[in-house]
Every structure is written in C-alpha cells, then in structure tokens.
C-alpha cells in the first residue's frame, strides 16, 4: 500500500474511534458523565442530530419508527464516520503539500 492510502485509512479509523468514544461518553450508562447528560441535554441532542442518518436507516430497517435495530445503527454509524474521516484526511493532505520555494517576506 502507498503512504497516502495508509494515511487516509489511519485518519478514518482514528476519527471512527473518537466518534465511538464520544458516543459512549454521551449515551453510555457506564459513562462517568451519564448523570450530567441526563439533565443537560444540549450536547446529547446535538450528537443525536449528527447521527440522524444512522438512526433513520436503523428505524427503516427495523420498520419501527420509535426504535431501530442496534446492529444496523452501528453499521451505518461506522460507515458515516469512516466517510467523515476520509474527507477529513483529504483536507489534512491539502495542508501538508510541500512548496518548492520557501516563502519570504519580500516575495
């Protein structure tokens, strides 16, 4: 594999890991902040809005609008955050481009 493919894959996997940790921290029952987010719902509502597409896909797959299939939700969650990480890795590569001549104040 080339270095760029490894870079894209590693950034995508790192983004997915951060998304899973945030999901557990916000919604997990064993999370140290579970009591806090029970009464302060701004962050959980924002995170739920960011994960609206996996939630809708799981509800359609389970044919139940009030709850969805958990496996389908996490499969769509993984796909969504891997794609977000892939886009983020391309943005990072734009900032890593090397210049031929160093920039100076005079031009």
PDB file of N, CA and C in Angstrom:
ATOM      1  N   UNK A   1       0.828  -1.175   0.000  1.00  0.00           N
ATOM      2  CA  UNK A   1       0.000   0.000   0.000  1.00  0.00           C
ATOM      3  C   UNK A   1       0.874   1.240   0.000  1.00  0.00           C
ATOM      4  N   UNK A   2       0.371   2.279  -0.626  1.00  0.00           N
ATOM      5  CA  UNK A   2       1.144   3.516  -0.654  1.00  0.00           C
ATOM      6  C   UNK A   2       0.960   4.267   0.661  1.00  0.00           C
ATOM      7  N   UNK A   3       1.777   5.253   0.852  1.00  0.00           N
ATOM      8  CA  UNK A   3       1.729   6.020   2.099  1.00  0.00           C
ATOM      9  C   UNK A   3       0.436   6.821   2.209  1.00  0.00           C
ATOM     10  N   UNK A   4      -0.083   7.286   1.065  1.00  0.00           N
ATOM     11  CA  UNK A   4      -1.316   8.062   1.105  1.00  0.00           C
ATOM     12  C   UNK A   4      -2.507   7.200   1.522  1.00  0.00           C
ATOM     13  N   UNK A   5      -2.560   5.969   1.034  1.00  0.00           N
ATOM     14  CA  UNK A   5      -3.665   5.077   1.403  1.00  0.00           C
ATOM     15  C   UNK A   5      -3.607   4.764   2.891  1.00  0.00           C
ATOM     16  N   UNK A   6      -2.420   4.522   3.394  1.00  0.00           N
ATOM     17  CA  UNK A   6      -2.265   4.258   4.826  1.00  0.00           C
ATOM     18  C   UNK A   6      -2.646   5.481   5.638  1.00  0.00           C
ATOM     19  N   UNK A   7      -2.277   6.667   5.153  1.00  0.00           N
ATOM     20  CA  UNK A   7      -2.639   7.905   5.846  1.00  0.00           C
ATOM     21  C   UNK A   7      -4.154   8.075   5.882  1.00  0.00           C
ATOM     22  N   UNK A   8      -4.819   7.885   4.727  1.00  0.00           N
ATOM     23  CA  UNK A   8      -6.276   8.027   4.684  1.00  0.00           C
ATOM     24  C   UNK A   8      -6.957   7.015   5.596  1.00  0.00           C
ATOM     25  N   UNK A   9      -6.480   5.792   5.582  1.00  0.00           N
ATOM     26  CA  UNK A   9      -7.070   4.751   6.412  1.00  0.00           C
ATOM     27  C   UNK A   9      -6.857   5.028   7.903  1.00  0.00           C
ATOM     28  N   UNK A  10      -5.675   5.474   8.267  1.00  0.00           N
ATOM     29  CA  UNK A  10      -5.409   5.735   9.682  1.00  0.00           C
ATOM     30  C   UNK A  10      -6.205   6.924  10.204  1.00  0.00           C
ATOM     31  N   UNK A  11      -6.350   7.969   9.404  1.00  0.00           N
ATOM     32  CA  UNK A  11      -7.157   9.116   9.841  1.00  0.00           C
ATOM     33  C   UNK A  11      -8.620   8.707   9.954  1.00  0.00           C
ATOM     34  N   UNK A  12      -9.110   7.900   9.034  1.00  0.00           N
ATOM     35  CA  UNK A  12     -10.504   7.442   9.091  1.00  0.00           C
ATOM     36  C   UNK A  12     -10.757   6.577  10.318  1.00  0.00           C
ATOM     37  N   UNK A  13      -9.839   5.675  10.615  1.00  0.00           N
ATOM     38  CA  UNK A  13     -10.003   4.804  11.786  1.00  0.00           C
ATOM     39  C   UNK A  13      -9.898   5.615  13.078  1.00  0.00           C
ATOM     40  N   UNK A  14      -9.011   6.591  13.116  1.00  0.00           N
ATOM     41  CA  UNK A  14      -8.892   7.445  14.296  1.00  0.00           C
ATOM     42  C   UNK A  14     -10.161   8.273  14.502  1.00  0.00           C
ATOM     43  N   UNK A  15     -10.729   8.791  13.428  1.00  0.00           N
ATOM     44  CA  UNK A  15     -11.984   9.535  13.528  1.00  0.00           C
ATOM     45  C   UNK A  15     -13.106   8.634  14.020  1.00  0.00           C
ATOM     46  N   UNK A  16     -13.157   7.413  13.531  1.00  0.00           N
ATOM     47  CA  UNK A  16     -14.173   6.459  13.980  1.00  0.00           C
ATOM     48  C   UNK A  16     -13.998   6.137  15.463  1.00  0.00           C
ATOM     49  N   UNK A  17     -12.763   5.964  15.912  1.00  0.00           N
ATOM     50  CA  UNK A  17     -12.515   5.670  17.326  1.00  0.00           C
ATOM     51  C   UNK A  17     -12.961   6.829  18.211  1.00  0.00           C
ATOM     52  N   UNK A  18     -12.686   8.053  17.791  1.00  0.00           N
ATOM     53  CA  UNK A  18     -13.119   9.226  18.558  1.00  0.00           C
ATOM     54  C   UNK A  18     -14.642   9.306  18.594  1.00  0.00           C
ATOM     55  N   UNK A  19     -15.297   8.989  17.472  1.00  0.00           N
ATOM     56  CA  UNK A  19     -16.763   9.013  17.431  1.00  0.00           C
ATOM     57  C   UNK A  19     -17.356   7.959  18.363  1.00  0.00           C
ATOM     58  N   UNK A  20     -16.768   6.769  18.407  1.00  0.00           N
ATOM     59  CA  UNK A  20     -17.256   5.743  19.324  1.00  0.00           C
ATOM     60  C   UNK A  20     -17.054   6.139  20.778  1.00  0.00           C
ATOM     61  N   UNK A  21     -15.918   6.740  21.092  1.00  0.00           N
ATOM     62  CA  UNK A  21     -15.659   7.178  22.466  1.00  0.00           C
ATOM     63  C   UNK A  21     -16.639   8.274  22.869  1.00  0.00           C
ATOM     64  N   UNK A  22     -16.882   9.241  21.965  1.00  0.00           N
ATOM     65  CA  UNK A  22     -17.859  10.293  22.257  1.00  0.00           C
ATOM     66  C   UNK A  22     -19.263   9.723  22.420  1.00  0.00           C
ATOM     67  N   UNK A  23     -19.624   8.762  21.593  1.00  0.00           N
ATOM     68  CA  UNK A  23     -20.942   8.147  21.698  1.00  0.00           C
ATOM     69  C   UNK A  23     -21.106   7.444  23.039  1.00  0.00           C
ATOM     70  N   UNK A  24     -20.088   6.738  23.471  1.00  0.00           N
ATOM     71  CA  UNK A  24     -20.163   6.086  24.786  1.00  0.00           C
ATOM     72  C   UNK A  24     -20.200   7.126  25.902  1.00  0.00           C
ATOM     73  N   UNK A  25     -19.392   8.172  25.780  1.00  0.00           N
ATOM     74  CA  UNK A  25     -19.319   9.189  26.827  1.00  0.00           C
ATOM     75  C   UNK A  25     -20.645   9.914  26.989  1.00  0.00           C
ATOM     76  N   UNK A  26     -21.347  10.131  25.882  1.00  0.00           N
ATOM     77  CA  UNK A  26     -22.601  10.878  25.947  1.00  0.00           C
ATOM     78  C   UNK A  26     -23.780   9.977  26.303  1.00  0.00           C
ATOM     79  N   UNK A  27     -23.868   8.784  25.706  1.00  0.00           N
ATOM     80  CA  UNK A  27     -25.048   7.938  25.873  1.00  0.00           C
ATOM     81  C   UNK A  27     -24.831   6.697  26.727  1.00  0.00           C
ATOM     82  N   UNK A  28     -23.605   6.352  27.054  1.00  0.00           N
ATOM     83  CA  UNK A  28     -23.346   5.118  27.785  1.00  0.00           C
ATOM     84  C   UNK A  28     -23.809   5.181  29.233  1.00  0.00           C
ATOM     85  N   UNK A  29     -24.388   4.103  29.694  1.00  0.00           N
ATOM     86  CA  UNK A  29     -24.837   4.038  31.085  1.00  0.00           C
ATOM     87  C   UNK A  29     -23.664   3.958  32.057  1.00  0.00           C
ATOM     88  N   UNK A  30     -22.546   3.407  31.615  1.00  0.00           N
ATOM     89  CA  UNK A  30     -21.373   3.307  32.477  1.00  0.00           C
ATOM     90  C   UNK A  30     -20.446   4.511  32.338  1.00  0.00           C
ATOM     91  N   UNK A  31     -20.865   5.505  31.576  1.00  0.00           N
ATOM     92  CA  UNK A  31     -20.060   6.706  31.376  1.00  0.00           C
ATOM     93  C   UNK A  31     -20.012   7.528  32.665  1.00  0.00           C
ATOM     94  N   UNK A  32     -18.876   8.146  32.948  1.00  0.00           N
ATOM     95  CA  UNK A  32     -18.814   8.984  34.142  1.00  0.00           C
ATOM     96  C   UNK A  32     -19.690  10.234  34.039  1.00  0.00           C
ATOM     97  N   UNK A  33     -20.119  10.594  32.847  1.00  0.00           N
ATOM     98  CA  UNK A  33     -20.940  11.786  32.665  1.00  0.00           C
ATOM     99  C   UNK A  33     -22.402  11.449  32.398  1.00  0.00           C
ATOM    100  N   UNK A  34     -22.816  10.233  32.672  1.00  0.00           N
ATOM    101  CA  UNK A  34     -24.192   9.835  32.344  1.00  0.00           C
ATOM    102  C   UNK A  34     -25.218  10.627  33.145  1.00  0.00           C
ATOM    103  N   UNK A  35     -24.952  10.883  34.409  1.00  0.00           N
ATOM    104  CA  UNK A  35     -25.875  11.676  35.233  1.00  0.00           C
ATOM    105  C   UNK A  35     -25.934  13.121  34.765  1.00  0.00           C
ATOM    106  N   UNK A  36     -24.805  13.667  34.355  1.00  0.00           N
ATOM    107  CA  UNK A  36     -24.768  15.041  33.880  1.00  0.00           C
ATOM    108  C   UNK A  36     -25.591  15.201  32.609  1.00  0.00           C
ATOM    109  N   UNK A  37     -25.396  14.293  31.658  1.00  0.00           N
ATOM    110  CA  UNK A  37     -26.106  14.405  30.386  1.00  0.00           C
ATOM    111  C   UNK A  37     -27.567  13.993  30.497  1.00  0.00           C
ATOM    112  N   UNK A  38     -27.955  13.421  31.629  1.00  0.00           N
ATOM    113  CA  UNK A  38     -29.361  13.123  31.854  1.00  0.00           C
ATOM    114  C   UNK A  38     -30.152  14.409  32.047  1.00  0.00           C
ATOM    115  N   UNK A  39     -29.520  15.403  32.671  1.00  0.00           N
ATOM    116  CA  UNK A  39     -30.213  16.662  32.960  1.00  0.00           C
ATOM    117  C   UNK A  39     -29.801  17.806  32.039  1.00  0.00           C
ATOM    118  N   UNK A  40     -28.669  17.732  31.396  1.00  0.00           N
ATOM    119  CA  UNK A  40     -28.189  18.758  30.472  1.00  0.00           C
ATOM    120  C   UNK A  40     -28.194  18.148  29.070  1.00  0.00           C
ATOM    121  N   UNK A  41     -29.242  18.425  28.315  1.00  0.00           N
ATOM    122  CA  UNK A  41     -29.495  17.684  27.094  1.00  0.00           C
ATOM    123  C   UNK A  41     -28.999  18.366  25.825  1.00  0.00           C
ATOM    124  N   UNK A  42     -28.291  19.465  25.919  1.00  0.00           N
ATOM    125  CA  UNK A  42     -27.823  20.163  24.730  1.00  0.00           C
ATOM    126  C   UNK A  42     -26.838  19.343  23.922  1.00  0.00           C
ATOM    127  N   UNK A  43     -25.822  18.809  24.573  1.00  0.00           N
ATOM    128  CA  UNK A  43     -24.803  18.011  23.884  1.00  0.00           C
ATOM    129  C   UNK A  43     -25.384  16.697  23.346  1.00  0.00           C
ATOM    130  N   UNK A  44     -26.182  15.942  24.127  1.00  0.00           N
ATOM    131  CA  UNK A  44     -26.769  14.726  23.551  1.00  0.00           C
ATOM    132  C   UNK A  44     -27.688  15.001  22.362  1.00  0.00           C
ATOM    133  N   UNK A  45     -28.426  16.105  22.406  1.00  0.00           N
ATOM    134  CA  UNK A  45     -29.289  16.432  21.267  1.00  0.00           C
ATOM    135  C   UNK A  45     -28.463  16.787  20.041  1.00  0.00           C
ATOM    136  N   UNK A  46     -27.375  17.517  20.222  1.00  0.00           N
ATOM    137  CA  UNK A  46     -26.505  17.854  19.090  1.00  0.00           C
ATOM    138  C   UNK A  46     -25.849  16.605  18.517  1.00  0.00           C
ATOM    139  N   UNK A  47     -25.371  15.714  19.381  1.00  0.00           N
ATOM    140  CA  UNK A  47     -24.746  14.478  18.911  1.00  0.00           C
ATOM    141  C   UNK A  47     -25.762  13.583  18.217  1.00  0.00           C
ATOM    142  N   UNK A  48     -26.978  13.540  18.751  1.00  0.00           N
ATOM    143  CA  UNK A  48     -28.031  12.762  18.096  1.00  0.00           C
ATOM    144  C   UNK A  48     -28.386  13.338  16.729  1.00  0.00           C
ATOM    145  N   UNK A  49     -28.350  14.660  16.602  1.00  0.00           N
ATOM    146  CA  UNK A  49     -28.588  15.277  15.304  1.00  0.00           C
ATOM    147  C   UNK A  49     -27.498  14.958  14.307  1.00  0.00           C
ATOM    148  N   UNK A  50     -26.263  14.854  14.781  1.00  0.00           N
ATOM    149  CA  UNK A  50     -25.161  14.497  13.890  1.00  0.00           C
ATOM    150  C   UNK A  50     -25.256  13.043  13.434  1.00  0.00           C
ATOM    151  N   UNK A  51     -25.914  12.213  14.220  1.00  0.00           N
ATOM    152  CA  UNK A  51     -26.082  10.800  13.893  1.00  0.00           C
ATOM    153  C   UNK A  51     -27.515  10.493  13.469  1.00  0.00           C
ATOM    154  N   UNK A  52     -28.171  11.461  12.854  1.00  0.00           N
ATOM    155  CA  UNK A  52     -29.555  11.288  12.428  1.00  0.00           C
ATOM    156  C   UNK A  52     -29.681  10.274  11.295  1.00  0.00           C
ATOM    157  N   UNK A  53     -28.746  10.285  10.376  1.00  0.00           N
ATOM    158  CA  UNK A  53     -28.822   9.367   9.227  1.00  0.00           C
ATOM    159  C   UNK A  53     -28.709   7.905   9.677  1.00  0.00           C
ATOM    160  N   UNK A  54     -27.738   7.536  10.530  1.00  0.00           N
ATOM    161  CA  UNK A  54     -27.741   6.143  11.008  1.00  0.00           C
ATOM    162  C   UNK A  54     -29.002   5.785  11.788  1.00  0.00           C
ATOM    163  N   UNK A  55     -29.549   6.736  12.536  1.00  0.00           N
ATOM    164  CA  UNK A  55     -30.786   6.470  13.263  1.00  0.00           C
ATOM    165  C   UNK A  55     -31.961   6.229  12.337  1.00  0.00           C
ATOM    166  N   UNK A  56     -32.035   7.019  11.279  1.00  0.00           N
ATOM    167  CA  UNK A  56     -33.124   6.831  10.313  1.00  0.00           C
ATOM    168  C   UNK A  56     -32.967   5.515   9.562  1.00  0.00           C
ATOM    169  N   UNK A  57     -31.741   5.165   9.203  1.00  0.00           N
ATOM    170  CA  UNK A  57     -31.510   3.903   8.499  1.00  0.00           C
ATOM    171  C   UNK A  57     -31.893   2.714   9.385  1.00  0.00           C
ATOM    172  N   UNK A  58     -31.554   2.787  10.662  1.00  0.00           N
ATOM    173  CA  UNK A  58     -31.902   1.676  11.555  1.00  0.00           C
ATOM    174  C   UNK A  58     -33.403   1.589  11.786  1.00  0.00           C
ATOM    175  N   UNK A  59     -34.094   2.732  11.830  1.00  0.00           N
ATOM    176  CA  UNK A  59     -35.550   2.706  12.003  1.00  0.00           C
ATOM    177  C   UNK A  59     -36.237   2.134  10.772  1.00  0.00           C
ATOM    178  N   UNK A  60     -35.750   2.473   9.586  1.00  0.00           N
ATOM    179  CA  UNK A  60     -36.331   1.935   8.352  1.00  0.00           C
ATOM    180  C   UNK A  60     -36.051   0.434   8.252  1.00  0.00           C
ATOM    181  N   UNK A  61     -34.855   0.023   8.646  1.00  0.00           N
ATOM    182  CA  UNK A  61     -34.508  -1.398   8.551  1.00  0.00           C
ATOM    183  C   UNK A  61     -35.335  -2.241   9.521  1.00  0.00           C
ATOM    184  N   UNK A  62     -35.674  -1.680  10.676  1.00  0.00           N
ATOM    185  CA  UNK A  62     -36.448  -2.423  11.669  1.00  0.00           C
ATOM    186  C   UNK A  62     -37.952  -2.233  11.482  1.00  0.00           C
ATOM    187  N   UNK A  63     -38.345  -1.304  10.592  1.00  0.00           N
ATOM    188  CA  UNK A  63     -39.755  -0.984  10.333  1.00  0.00           C
ATOM    189  C   UNK A  63     -40.457  -0.528  11.603  1.00  0.00           C
ATOM    190  N   UNK A  64     -39.730   0.183  12.450  1.00  0.00           N
ATOM    191  CA  UNK A  64     -40.283   0.702  13.687  1.00  0.00           C
ATOM    192  C   UNK A  64     -39.759   2.115  13.847  1.00  0.00           C
ATOM    193  N   UNK A  65     -40.644   3.092  13.790  1.00  0.00           N
ATOM    194  CA  UNK A  65     -40.198   4.479  13.829  1.00  0.00           C
ATOM    195  C   UNK A  65     -39.735   4.905  15.224  1.00  0.00           C
ATOM    196  N   UNK A  66     -40.166   4.224  16.257  1.00  0.00           N
ATOM    197  CA  UNK A  66     -39.816   4.603  17.626  1.00  0.00           C
ATOM    198  C   UNK A  66     -38.514   3.997  18.122  1.00  0.00           C
ATOM    199  N   UNK A  67     -37.986   3.062  17.410  1.00  0.00           N
ATOM    200  CA  UNK A  67     -36.727   2.442  17.788  1.00  0.00           C
ATOM    201  C   UNK A  67     -36.179   1.680  16.606  1.00  0.00           C
ATOM    202  N   UNK A  68     -34.908   1.505  16.589  1.00  0.00           N
ATOM    203  CA  UNK A  68     -34.319   0.840  15.444  1.00  0.00           C
ATOM    204  C   UNK A  68     -33.484  -0.353  15.857  1.00  0.00           C
ATOM    205  N   UNK A  69     -33.014  -1.049  14.866  1.00  0.00           N
ATOM    206  CA  UNK A  69     -32.142  -2.183  15.066  1.00  0.00           C
ATOM    207  C   UNK A  69     -30.756  -1.652  15.448  1.00  0.00           C
ATOM    208  N   UNK A  70     -30.231  -2.109  16.558  1.00  0.00           N
ATOM    209  CA  UNK A  70     -28.958  -1.596  17.057  1.00  0.00           C
ATOM    210  C   UNK A  70     -27.789  -1.978  16.147  1.00  0.00           C
ATOM    211  N   UNK A  71     -27.804  -3.180  15.600  1.00  0.00           N
ATOM    212  CA  UNK A  71     -26.740  -3.609  14.698  1.00  0.00           C
ATOM    213  C   UNK A  71     -26.701  -2.746  13.444  1.00  0.00           C
ATOM    214  N   UNK A  72     -27.870  -2.471  12.877  1.00  0.00           N
ATOM    215  CA  UNK A  72     -27.938  -1.639  11.676  1.00  0.00           C
ATOM    216  C   UNK A  72     -27.489  -0.214  12.001  1.00  0.00           C
ATOM    217  N   UNK A  73     -27.857   0.283  13.180  1.00  0.00           N
ATOM    218  CA  UNK A  73     -27.428   1.618  13.577  1.00  0.00           C
ATOM    219  C   UNK A  73     -25.910   1.696  13.625  1.00  0.00           C
ATOM    220  N   UNK A  74     -25.271   0.734  14.272  1.00  0.00           N
ATOM    221  CA  UNK A  74     -23.814   0.796  14.394  1.00  0.00           C
ATOM    222  C   UNK A  74     -23.111   0.549  13.064  1.00  0.00           C
ATOM    223  N   UNK A  75     -23.703  -0.243  12.185  1.00  0.00           N
ATOM    224  CA  UNK A  75     -23.121  -0.413  10.853  1.00  0.00           C
ATOM    225  C   UNK A  75     -23.171   0.903  10.075  1.00  0.00           C
ATOM    226  N   UNK A  76     -24.313   1.597  10.124  1.00  0.00           N
ATOM    227  CA  UNK A  76     -24.427   2.894   9.451  1.00  0.00           C
ATOM    228  C   UNK A  76     -23.565   3.947  10.140  1.00  0.00           C
ATOM    229  N   UNK A  77     -23.432   3.854  11.461  1.00  0.00           N
ATOM    230  CA  UNK A  77     -22.581   4.761  12.232  1.00  0.00           C
ATOM    231  C   UNK A  77     -21.118   4.627  11.797  1.00  0.00           C
ATOM    232  N   UNK A  78     -20.680   3.384  11.622  1.00  0.00           N
ATOM    233  CA  UNK A  78     -19.303   3.133  11.180  1.00  0.00           C
ATOM    234  C   UNK A  78     -19.084   3.686   9.780  1.00  0.00           C
ATOM    235  N   UNK A  79     -20.017   3.444   8.883  1.00  0.00           N
ATOM    236  CA  UNK A  79     -19.866   3.952   7.515  1.00  0.00           C
ATOM    237  C   UNK A  79     -19.841   5.472   7.506  1.00  0.00           C
ATOM    238  N   UNK A  80     -20.743   6.088   8.266  1.00  0.00           N
ATOM    239  CA  UNK A  80     -20.801   7.549   8.295  1.00  0.00           C
ATOM    240  C   UNK A  80     -19.500   8.158   8.795  1.00  0.00           C
ATOM    241  N   UNK A  81     -18.992   7.670   9.912  1.00  0.00           N
ATOM    242  CA  UNK A  81     -17.811   8.292  10.495  1.00  0.00           C
ATOM    243  C   UNK A  81     -16.532   7.923   9.758  1.00  0.00           C
ATOM    244  N   UNK A  82     -16.500   6.780   9.067  1.00  0.00           N
ATOM    245  CA  UNK A  82     -15.365   6.479   8.195  1.00  0.00           C
ATOM    246  C   UNK A  82     -15.336   7.439   7.006  1.00  0.00           C
ATOM    247  N   UNK A  83     -16.504   7.765   6.461  1.00  0.00           N
ATOM    248  CA  UNK A  83     -16.563   8.732   5.367  1.00  0.00           C
ATOM    249  C   UNK A  83     -16.176  10.128   5.832  1.00  0.00           C
ATOM    250  N   UNK A  84     -16.615  10.502   7.028  1.00  0.00           N
ATOM    251  CA  UNK A  84     -16.214  11.804   7.583  1.00  0.00           C
ATOM    252  C   UNK A  84     -14.700  11.834   7.779  1.00  0.00           C
ATOM    253  N   UNK A  85     -14.127  10.758   8.281  1.00  0.00           N
ATOM    254  CA  UNK A  85     -12.674  10.682   8.448  1.00  0.00           C
ATOM    255  C   UNK A  85     -11.933  10.717   7.130  1.00  0.00           C
ATOM    256  N   UNK A  86     -12.499  10.109   6.094  1.00  0.00           N
ATOM    257  CA  UNK A  86     -11.870  10.137   4.779  1.00  0.00           C
ATOM    258  C   UNK A  86     -11.842  11.553   4.213  1.00  0.00           C
ATOM    259  N   UNK A  87     -12.945  12.264   4.333  1.00  0.00           N
ATOM    260  CA  UNK A  87     -12.979  13.662   3.880  1.00  0.00           C
ATOM    261  C   UNK A  87     -12.000  14.493   4.685  1.00  0.00           C
ATOM    262  N   UNK A  88     -11.952  14.265   5.990  1.00  0.00           N
ATOM    263  CA  UNK A  88     -11.016  14.987   6.858  1.00  0.00           C
ATOM    264  C   UNK A  88      -9.564  14.695   6.473  1.00  0.00           C
ATOM    265  N   UNK A  89      -9.267  13.469   6.073  1.00  0.00           N
ATOM    266  CA  UNK A  89      -7.893  13.144   5.679  1.00  0.00           C
ATOM    267  C   UNK A  89      -7.505  13.850   4.386  1.00  0.00           C
ATOM    268  N   UNK A  90      -8.447  14.013   3.454  1.00  0.00           N
ATOM    269  CA  UNK A  90      -8.146  14.774   2.241  1.00  0.00           C
ATOM    270  C   UNK A  90      -7.904  16.243   2.562  1.00  0.00           C
ATOM    271  N   UNK A  91      -8.657  16.782   3.509  1.00  0.00           N
ATOM    272  CA  UNK A  91      -8.430  18.170   3.929  1.00  0.00           C
ATOM    273  C   UNK A  91      -7.052  18.310   4.580  1.00  0.00           C
ATOM    274  N   UNK A  92      -6.686  17.339   5.397  1.00  0.00           N
ATOM    275  CA  UNK A  92      -5.358  17.378   6.014  1.00  0.00           C
ATOM    276  C   UNK A  92      -4.248  17.302   4.976  1.00  0.00           C
ATOM    277  N   UNK A  93      -4.451  16.522   3.920  1.00  0.00           N
ATOM    278  CA  UNK A  93      -3.440  16.429   2.871  1.00  0.00           C
ATOM    279  C   UNK A  93      -3.265  17.746   2.119  1.00  0.00           C
ATOM    280  N   UNK A  94      -4.325  18.523   2.020  1.00  0.00           N
ATOM    281  CA  UNK A  94      -4.197  19.829   1.366  1.00  0.00           C
ATOM    282  C   UNK A  94      -3.248  20.740   2.139  1.00  0.00           C
ATOM    283  N   UNK A  95      -3.242  20.628   3.458  1.00  0.00           N
ATOM    284  CA  UNK A  95      -2.369  21.458   4.281  1.00  0.00           C
ATOM    285  C   UNK A  95      -0.955  20.906   4.398  1.00  0.00           C
ATOM    286  N   UNK A  96      -0.748  19.668   3.968  1.00  0.00           N
ATOM    287  CA  UNK A  96       0.582  19.061   4.060  1.00  0.00           C
ATOM    288  C   UNK A  96       1.400  19.225   2.793  1.00  0.00           C
ATOM    289  N   UNK A  97       0.839  19.847   1.753  1.00  0.00           N
ATOM    290  CA  UNK A  97       1.566  19.983   0.493  1.00  0.00           C
ATOM    291  C   UNK A  97       2.843  20.798   0.708  1.00  0.00           C
ATOM    292  N   UNK A  98       3.916  20.329   0.119  1.00  0.00           N
ATOM    293  CA  UNK A  98       5.207  20.999   0.271  1.00  0.00           C
ATOM    294  C   UNK A  98       5.382  22.006  -0.855  1.00  0.00           C
ATOM    295  N   UNK A  99       5.955  23.131  -0.512  1.00  0.00           N
ATOM    296  CA  UNK A  99       6.211  24.167  -1.505  1.00  0.00           C
ATOM    297  C   UNK A  99       7.597  23.978  -2.086  1.00  0.00           C
ATOM    298  N   UNK A 100       7.740  24.390  -3.348  1.00  0.00           N
ATOM    299  CA  UNK A 100       9.047  24.251  -3.995  1.00  0.00           C
ATOM    300  C   UNK A 100      10.036  25.272  -3.450  1.00  0.00           C
ATOM    301  N   UNK A 101       9.587  26.504  -3.288  1.00  0.00           N
ATOM    302  CA  UNK A 101      10.444  27.550  -2.748  1.00  0.00           C
ATOM    303  C   UNK A 101       9.897  27.986  -1.398  1.00  0.00           C
ATOM    304  N   UNK A 102      10.748  28.235  -0.435  1.00  0.00           N
ATOM    305  CA  UNK A 102      10.232  28.717   0.835  1.00  0.00           C
ATOM    306  C   UNK A 102       9.664  30.127   0.688  1.00  0.00           C
ATOM    307  N   UNK A 103       8.623  30.389   1.419  1.00  0.00           N
ATOM    308  CA  UNK A 103       8.022  31.725   1.341  1.00  0.00           C
ATOM    309  C   UNK A 103       8.875  32.722   2.124  1.00  0.00           C
ATOM    310  N   UNK A 104       8.956  33.922   1.603  1.00  0.00           N
ATOM    311  CA  UNK A 104       9.704  35.001   2.281  1.00  0.00           C
ATOM    312  C   UNK A 104       8.833  36.225   2.365  1.00  0.00           C
ATOM    313  N   UNK A 105       9.264  37.182   3.141  1.00  0.00           N
ATOM    314  CA  UNK A 105       8.518  38.414   3.290  1.00  0.00           C
ATOM    315  C   UNK A 105       8.573  39.232   1.999  1.00  0.00           C
ATOM    316  N   UNK A 106       9.708  39.220   1.308  1.00  0.00           N
ATOM    317  CA  UNK A 106       9.890  40.057   0.121  1.00  0.00           C
ATOM    318  C   UNK A 106       9.292  39.450  -1.129  1.00  0.00           C
ATOM    319  N   UNK A 107       8.867  38.235  -1.109  1.00  0.00           N
ATOM    320  CA  UNK A 107       8.178  37.755  -2.275  1.00  0.00           C
ATOM    321  C   UNK A 107       8.643  36.495  -2.836  1.00  0.00           C
TER     322      UNK A 107
END
